[in-house]
Amino acid sequence: MKINLDDLNIFVSVVRAGGFREAARIRSSSASGLSEAIRRLETELGVRLLNRTTRSVSPTEAGQGLLARLSPALTEVEAALDVVNGFRDKPAGTLRLNVPVSAARLVLPALVSQFLAAYPDIQLEVITDENFVDILAAGCDAGIRYDERLQQDMIAVPIGPRSQRLATAASPAYLARFGRPQHPRDLLSHACIRGRFASGTIPPWEFERDGEVILIDAGGPLIVRIGGATDLAVDAAIAGTGITMLFEDWLQPYLDSGALEPVLEPWWQSFSGPFLYYPGRRLVPAPLRAFIDFVKAANEQANMKLQNPSSSNG
């Protein structure tokens, strides 16, 4: 029996992704090509491996048995190949990161170009996703999320700013027309531009001052998908549609230019910065190890600048 190893890999990808379309997106290939590979594998083995419906794909009993034996075997193959990678002058391969849009905009730009310049044989692929996903099932090596969304079996490394704030802001024209809120509860009578997660949840706006925490669930004329449509919320706020809440660093250029003005700044809530996370139970691939070391070195440099601010000014 001559089985194509790539067909086996495709089978694992389809099961982990829960369907051909998502697996094709992760593998940067076509769903029809993956479907043909599964049919070829089933023909060679003489058994059906997947139950297919118009809405879902799930492994048969035979498929479950094959998956249980294949997963650790493929992990060992990846580990063996990575050992060879260690003999190179510099690590090579693809590093896939699953990150929220905020991290792609506010955290990675300070790291990506320098990292890729230092490791020219590594290809970095960044997938933006606001949901907390199983990074292995999604075909990724690591992810970036905040501590409240990290699983206990993950190893977490600080990445980017260690403290951030959520800021509320509005255009001068809006504030001139409707007035400036003095307390978070005043937002209940204002037009607020809200965000909705892919899960359907619209998180309340959270404020804090002198130990008092207030949650505000205000209404408004515009709701956008968090992540993909966040820039639309900013544009609408600049145009005078309403008040928006977003990362302070995201809004800072518009605050500096005067296109937006801070609202309720004494109530802006601080929170700890994001983390690079990856499974602790799996051998760390060489490209990811290189990125982890690069991030740690960047953290050390940032800490040194905080401890000796005069040295960064020459």
Protein backbone atom coordinates (compact mmCIF):
# COMPACT_ATOMS: atom_id res chain seq x y z
CA MET A 1 0.00 0.00 0.00
CA LYS A 2 1.54 3.31 -1.13
CA ILE A 3 0.12 6.22 0.80
CA ASN A 4 0.96 9.85 0.04
CA LEU A 5 2.19 11.42 3.30
CA ASP A 6 0.83 14.80 2.27
CA ASP A 7 -2.64 13.25 1.93
CA LEU A 8 -2.35 12.10 5.55
CA ASN A 9 -1.36 15.60 6.59
CA ILE A 10 -4.34 17.01 4.69
CA PHE A 11 -6.66 14.58 6.48
CA VAL A 12 -5.43 15.81 9.87
CA SER A 13 -5.79 19.44 8.76
CA VAL A 14 -9.38 18.96 7.57
CA VAL A 15 -10.45 17.24 10.80
CA ARG A 16 -8.77 19.85 13.02
CA ALA A 17 -10.25 22.71 11.01
CA GLY A 18 -13.71 21.14 10.99
CA GLY A 19 -14.14 21.39 7.24
CA PHE A 20 -12.52 21.70 3.83
CA ARG A 21 -13.01 25.44 3.44
CA GLU A 22 -11.32 26.40 6.68
CA ALA A 23 -8.53 23.86 6.13
CA ALA A 24 -7.97 25.27 2.65
CA ARG A 25 -7.72 28.78 4.09
CA ILE A 26 -5.17 27.66 6.66
CA ARG A 27 -3.11 25.72 4.09
CA SER A 28 -3.46 28.41 1.39
CA SER A 29 -4.89 25.88 -1.05
CA SER A 30 -8.25 25.03 -2.62
CA ALA A 31 -11.07 23.15 -0.92
CA SER A 32 -11.56 21.02 -4.04
CA GLY A 33 -7.90 20.00 -3.98
CA LEU A 34 -8.16 18.92 -0.34
CA SER A 35 -11.38 17.03 -1.06
CA GLU A 36 -9.68 15.16 -3.90
CA ALA A 37 -6.78 14.25 -1.59
CA ILE A 38 -9.21 12.79 0.98
CA ARG A 39 -11.00 10.77 -1.73
CA ARG A 40 -7.63 9.47 -2.91
CA LEU A 41 -6.67 8.49 0.64
CA GLU A 42 -10.01 6.76 1.26
CA THR A 43 -9.63 4.81 -1.99
CA GLU A 44 -6.13 3.67 -1.04
CA LEU A 45 -7.23 2.61 2.45
CA GLY A 46 -10.55 1.15 1.35
CA VAL A 47 -12.54 2.84 4.14
CA ARG A 48 -14.45 6.07 4.56
CA LEU A 49 -12.61 8.46 6.85
CA LEU A 50 -14.97 11.45 6.91
CA ASN A 51 -18.69 11.95 7.20
CA ARG A 52 -19.56 14.87 4.92
CA THR A 53 -22.71 16.97 5.02
CA THR A 54 -23.44 20.34 3.47
CA ARG A 55 -22.72 21.98 6.83
CA SER A 56 -20.07 19.92 8.55
CA VAL A 57 -17.29 17.39 8.25
CA SER A 58 -16.54 14.87 11.01
CA PRO A 59 -14.33 11.77 11.20
CA THR A 60 -15.88 8.31 11.02
CA GLU A 61 -14.87 5.72 13.58
CA ALA A 62 -12.06 4.66 11.26
CA GLY A 63 -11.10 8.30 10.79
CA GLN A 64 -10.99 8.86 14.55
CA GLY A 65 -8.71 5.85 14.97
CA LEU A 66 -6.41 7.06 12.20
CA LEU A 67 -6.31 10.58 13.64
CA ALA A 68 -5.43 9.30 17.12
CA ARG A 69 -2.37 7.46 15.74
CA LEU A 70 -1.40 10.04 13.13
CA SER A 71 -1.29 13.18 15.28
CA PRO A 72 1.64 12.15 17.51
CA ALA A 73 3.42 10.58 14.53
CA LEU A 74 3.22 13.79 12.50
CA THR A 75 4.37 15.77 15.52
CA GLU A 76 7.42 13.52 15.70
CA VAL A 77 8.09 14.07 11.99
CA GLU A 78 7.92 17.84 12.51
CA ALA A 79 10.28 17.52 15.49
CA ALA A 80 12.73 15.43 13.46
CA LEU A 81 12.76 17.98 10.65
CA ASP A 82 13.26 20.76 13.16
CA VAL A 83 16.31 19.00 14.60
CA VAL A 84 17.86 19.22 11.13
CA ASN A 85 16.85 22.87 11.03
CA GLY A 86 19.00 23.40 14.11
CA PHE A 87 22.15 22.62 12.12
CA ARG A 88 21.57 25.59 9.81
CA ASP A 89 23.43 28.84 10.36
CA LYS A 90 20.05 30.49 10.81
CA PRO A 91 16.62 28.85 11.32
CA ALA A 92 14.35 28.57 8.29
CA GLY A 93 10.71 27.80 7.68
CA THR A 94 7.31 29.37 8.19
CA LEU A 95 6.12 30.95 11.44
CA ARG A 96 2.33 31.35 11.69
CA LEU A 97 0.90 33.69 14.31
CA ASN A 98 -2.78 34.05 15.21
CA VAL A 99 -3.38 37.57 16.57
CA PRO A 100 -6.18 40.09 17.12
CA VAL A 101 -6.27 43.09 14.80
CA SER A 102 -5.16 45.35 17.65
CA ALA A 103 -1.91 43.36 18.01
CA ALA A 104 -1.31 43.44 14.26
CA ARG A 105 -1.68 47.22 14.38
CA LEU A 106 -0.14 48.17 17.72
CA VAL A 107 2.33 45.42 18.69
CA LEU A 108 3.81 43.68 15.67
CA PRO A 109 4.92 46.71 13.58
CA ALA A 110 7.72 47.44 16.08
CA LEU A 111 9.02 43.86 15.78
CA VAL A 112 8.28 42.35 12.38
CA SER A 113 10.67 44.20 10.08
CA GLN A 114 13.66 43.84 12.40
CA PHE A 115 12.88 40.17 13.04
CA LEU A 116 12.62 39.32 9.34
CA ALA A 117 15.83 41.24 8.64
CA ALA A 118 17.61 39.21 11.32
CA TYR A 119 16.17 35.91 10.04
CA PRO A 120 15.88 36.16 6.24
CA ASP A 121 15.12 32.44 5.85
CA ILE A 122 11.96 32.64 7.96
CA GLN A 123 8.61 33.46 6.38
CA LEU A 124 6.13 35.05 8.79
CA GLU A 125 2.41 34.56 8.24
CA VAL A 126 0.03 36.60 10.41
CA ILE A 127 -3.63 35.56 10.68
CA THR A 128 -5.92 38.08 12.38
CA ASP A 129 -8.74 36.63 14.46
CA GLU A 130 -10.65 38.19 17.35
CA ASN A 131 -11.76 34.79 18.69
CA PHE A 132 -9.62 32.71 21.02
CA VAL A 133 -8.80 29.68 18.91
CA ASP A 134 -6.96 26.39 19.27
CA ILE A 135 -3.78 27.55 17.57
CA LEU A 136 -2.66 24.02 16.67
CA ALA A 137 -6.03 23.17 15.13
CA ALA A 138 -5.85 26.46 13.24
CA GLY A 139 -2.47 25.50 11.83
CA CYS A 140 -0.61 28.20 13.78
CA ASP A 141 2.53 27.98 15.90
CA ALA A 142 1.66 30.69 18.41
CA GLY A 143 -0.79 33.48 19.12
CA ILE A 144 -1.09 36.83 20.85
CA ARG A 145 -3.84 37.42 23.40
CA TYR A 146 -4.43 39.05 26.78
CA ASP A 147 -3.96 37.17 30.04
CA GLU A 148 -7.66 36.72 30.79
CA ARG A 149 -8.03 34.71 27.56
CA LEU A 150 -5.01 32.42 27.99
CA GLN A 151 -5.40 28.74 28.78
CA GLN A 152 -3.47 27.29 31.70
CA ASP A 153 -1.45 24.84 29.61
CA MET A 154 0.02 27.63 27.48
CA ILE A 155 3.41 29.24 27.92
CA ALA A 156 3.07 33.03 27.83
CA VAL A 157 5.78 35.58 27.04
CA PRO A 158 5.11 39.33 27.41
CA ILE A 159 5.09 41.13 24.06
CA GLY A 160 4.61 44.81 23.32
CA PRO A 161 3.64 47.51 25.85
CA ARG A 162 3.11 46.19 29.36
CA SER A 163 0.35 48.66 30.15
CA GLN A 164 -2.40 49.91 27.88
CA ARG A 165 -5.56 51.98 28.25
CA LEU A 166 -8.94 52.07 26.55
CA ALA A 167 -9.76 55.62 25.53
CA THR A 168 -13.04 57.33 24.70
CA ALA A 169 -13.00 60.12 22.17
CA ALA A 170 -15.22 62.25 19.95
CA SER A 171 -14.81 64.94 17.33
CA PRO A 172 -14.79 68.62 18.31
CA ALA A 173 -17.94 69.11 16.21
CA TYR A 174 -19.81 66.37 18.09
CA LEU A 175 -18.82 67.77 21.48
CA ALA A 176 -19.75 71.30 20.44
CA ARG A 177 -23.20 70.10 19.39
CA PHE A 178 -24.06 67.63 22.15
CA GLY A 179 -21.82 68.63 25.05
CA ARG A 180 -18.97 66.89 26.83
CA PRO A 181 -19.81 64.00 29.21
CA GLN A 182 -18.56 64.61 32.75
CA HIS A 183 -19.30 61.15 34.14
CA PRO A 184 -19.50 57.71 32.45
CA ARG A 185 -23.26 57.57 33.14
CA ASP A 186 -23.67 60.67 30.97
CA LEU A 187 -22.88 58.41 27.99
CA LEU A 188 -26.34 56.89 28.33
CA SER A 189 -27.71 60.05 26.74
CA HIS A 190 -25.05 60.24 24.01
CA ALA A 191 -24.53 58.52 20.65
CA CYS A 192 -21.96 55.78 21.27
CA ILE A 193 -20.26 53.81 18.51
CA ARG A 194 -20.16 50.22 19.77
CA GLY A 195 -18.30 47.07 18.78
CA ARG A 196 -19.54 43.50 18.43
CA PHE A 197 -17.39 40.35 18.61
CA ALA A 198 -17.84 37.60 16.04
CA SER A 199 -19.60 35.60 18.79
CA GLY A 200 -22.35 38.24 18.81
CA THR A 201 -21.38 39.77 22.16
CA ILE A 202 -21.31 43.55 22.47
CA PRO A 203 -19.00 44.20 25.43
CA PRO A 204 -19.98 47.03 27.79
CA TRP A 205 -17.68 50.00 28.15
CA GLU A 206 -15.69 49.77 31.38
CA PHE A 207 -14.40 52.77 33.31
CA GLU A 208 -12.41 53.05 36.54
CA ARG A 209 -11.45 55.89 38.87
CA ASP A 210 -10.19 55.79 42.46
CA GLY A 211 -11.11 52.11 42.74
CA GLU A 212 -14.65 52.61 41.43
CA VAL A 213 -15.47 50.51 38.35
CA ILE A 214 -18.48 51.38 36.20
CA LEU A 215 -19.87 49.39 33.28
CA ILE A 216 -21.86 51.32 30.70
CA ASP A 217 -24.08 49.70 28.07
CA ALA A 218 -24.93 52.75 25.99
CA GLY A 219 -26.77 52.88 22.70
CA GLY A 220 -25.90 54.57 19.45
CA PRO A 221 -26.39 54.73 15.70
CA LEU A 222 -23.48 52.46 14.69
CA ILE A 223 -22.26 49.00 15.67
CA VAL A 224 -19.14 47.56 13.98
CA ARG A 225 -17.45 44.17 14.02
CA ILE A 226 -14.54 44.39 16.44
CA GLY A 227 -11.30 44.02 14.53
CA GLY A 228 -12.25 44.09 10.89
CA ALA A 229 -14.41 47.23 10.98
CA THR A 230 -12.68 49.15 13.76
CA ASP A 231 -11.29 51.76 11.35
CA LEU A 232 -14.86 52.50 10.28
CA ALA A 233 -15.73 53.32 13.90
CA VAL A 234 -12.81 55.75 14.05
CA ASP A 235 -13.78 57.40 10.76
CA ALA A 236 -17.37 57.76 11.96
CA ALA A 237 -16.22 59.35 15.22
CA ILE A 238 -14.05 61.83 13.30
CA ALA A 239 -17.06 62.67 11.11
CA GLY A 240 -19.10 63.51 14.23
CA THR A 241 -21.34 60.42 14.37
CA GLY A 242 -20.69 59.72 18.02
CA ILE A 243 -18.25 58.74 20.78
CA THR A 244 -15.93 55.79 20.26
CA MET A 245 -13.88 53.65 22.65
CA LEU A 246 -10.66 52.07 21.48
CA PHE A 247 -7.04 51.46 22.47
CA GLU A 248 -5.41 54.77 23.40
CA ASP A 249 -2.43 54.00 21.13
CA TRP A 250 -4.81 53.44 18.20
CA LEU A 251 -6.52 56.79 18.75
CA GLN A 252 -3.38 58.75 19.67
CA PRO A 253 -2.59 60.07 16.15
CA TYR A 254 -6.11 61.49 15.88
CA LEU A 255 -5.91 62.98 19.38
CA ASP A 256 -2.56 64.57 18.49
CA SER A 257 -3.95 66.06 15.26
CA GLY A 258 -7.10 67.37 16.93
CA ALA A 259 -9.42 65.29 14.75
CA LEU A 260 -10.63 63.71 18.00
CA GLU A 261 -10.69 64.97 21.56
CA PRO A 262 -10.39 62.84 24.71
CA VAL A 263 -13.61 62.19 26.60
CA LEU A 264 -13.69 61.17 30.29
CA GLU A 265 -9.90 60.73 30.38
CA PRO A 266 -9.70 60.50 34.21
CA TRP A 267 -11.89 57.40 33.91
CA TRP A 268 -9.79 55.59 31.26
CA GLN A 269 -9.02 52.11 32.55
CA SER A 270 -5.51 50.67 32.43
CA PHE A 271 -4.85 46.96 31.88
CA SER A 272 -1.83 44.71 31.39
CA GLY A 273 -0.39 44.29 27.91
CA PRO A 274 -0.64 41.24 25.63
CA PHE A 275 1.27 37.97 25.62
CA LEU A 276 2.77 35.73 22.97
CA TYR A 277 1.47 32.25 23.83
CA TYR A 278 2.21 28.74 22.59
CA PRO A 279 1.62 25.13 23.76
CA GLY A 280 4.06 23.93 26.39
CA ARG A 281 3.50 20.29 25.53
CA ARG A 282 4.96 20.56 22.06
CA LEU A 283 8.53 20.88 20.83
CA VAL A 284 9.05 24.51 19.89
CA PRO A 285 9.84 24.82 16.15
CA ALA A 286 13.03 26.69 15.28
CA PRO A 287 11.27 29.72 13.68
CA LEU A 288 9.10 30.15 16.78
CA ARG A 289 12.09 29.74 19.09
CA ALA A 290 13.89 32.47 17.15
CA PHE A 291 10.86 34.76 17.49
CA ILE A 292 10.53 34.07 21.23
CA ASP A 293 14.19 34.92 21.78
CA PHE A 294 13.79 38.06 19.66
CA VAL A 295 10.75 39.18 21.70
CA LYS A 296 12.55 38.53 24.99
CA ALA A 297 15.54 40.58 23.80
CA ALA A 298 13.18 43.41 22.82
CA ASN A 299 11.59 43.24 26.30
CA GLU A 300 15.01 43.50 27.94
CA GLN A 301 15.88 46.56 25.83
CA ALA A 302 12.54 48.19 26.72
CA ASN A 303 13.12 47.51 30.43
CA MET A 304 16.62 49.01 30.25
CA LYS A 305 15.19 52.18 28.65
CA LEU A 306 12.59 52.45 31.42
CA GLN A 307 15.25 52.05 34.11
CA ASN A 308 17.70 54.44 32.37
CA PRO A 309 15.58 56.89 30.34
CA SER A 310 18.56 59.25 29.89
CA SER A 311 20.56 56.59 28.02
CA SER A 312 17.91 56.39 25.26
CA ASN A 313 18.35 60.12 24.63
CA GLY A 314 22.01 59.80 23.94
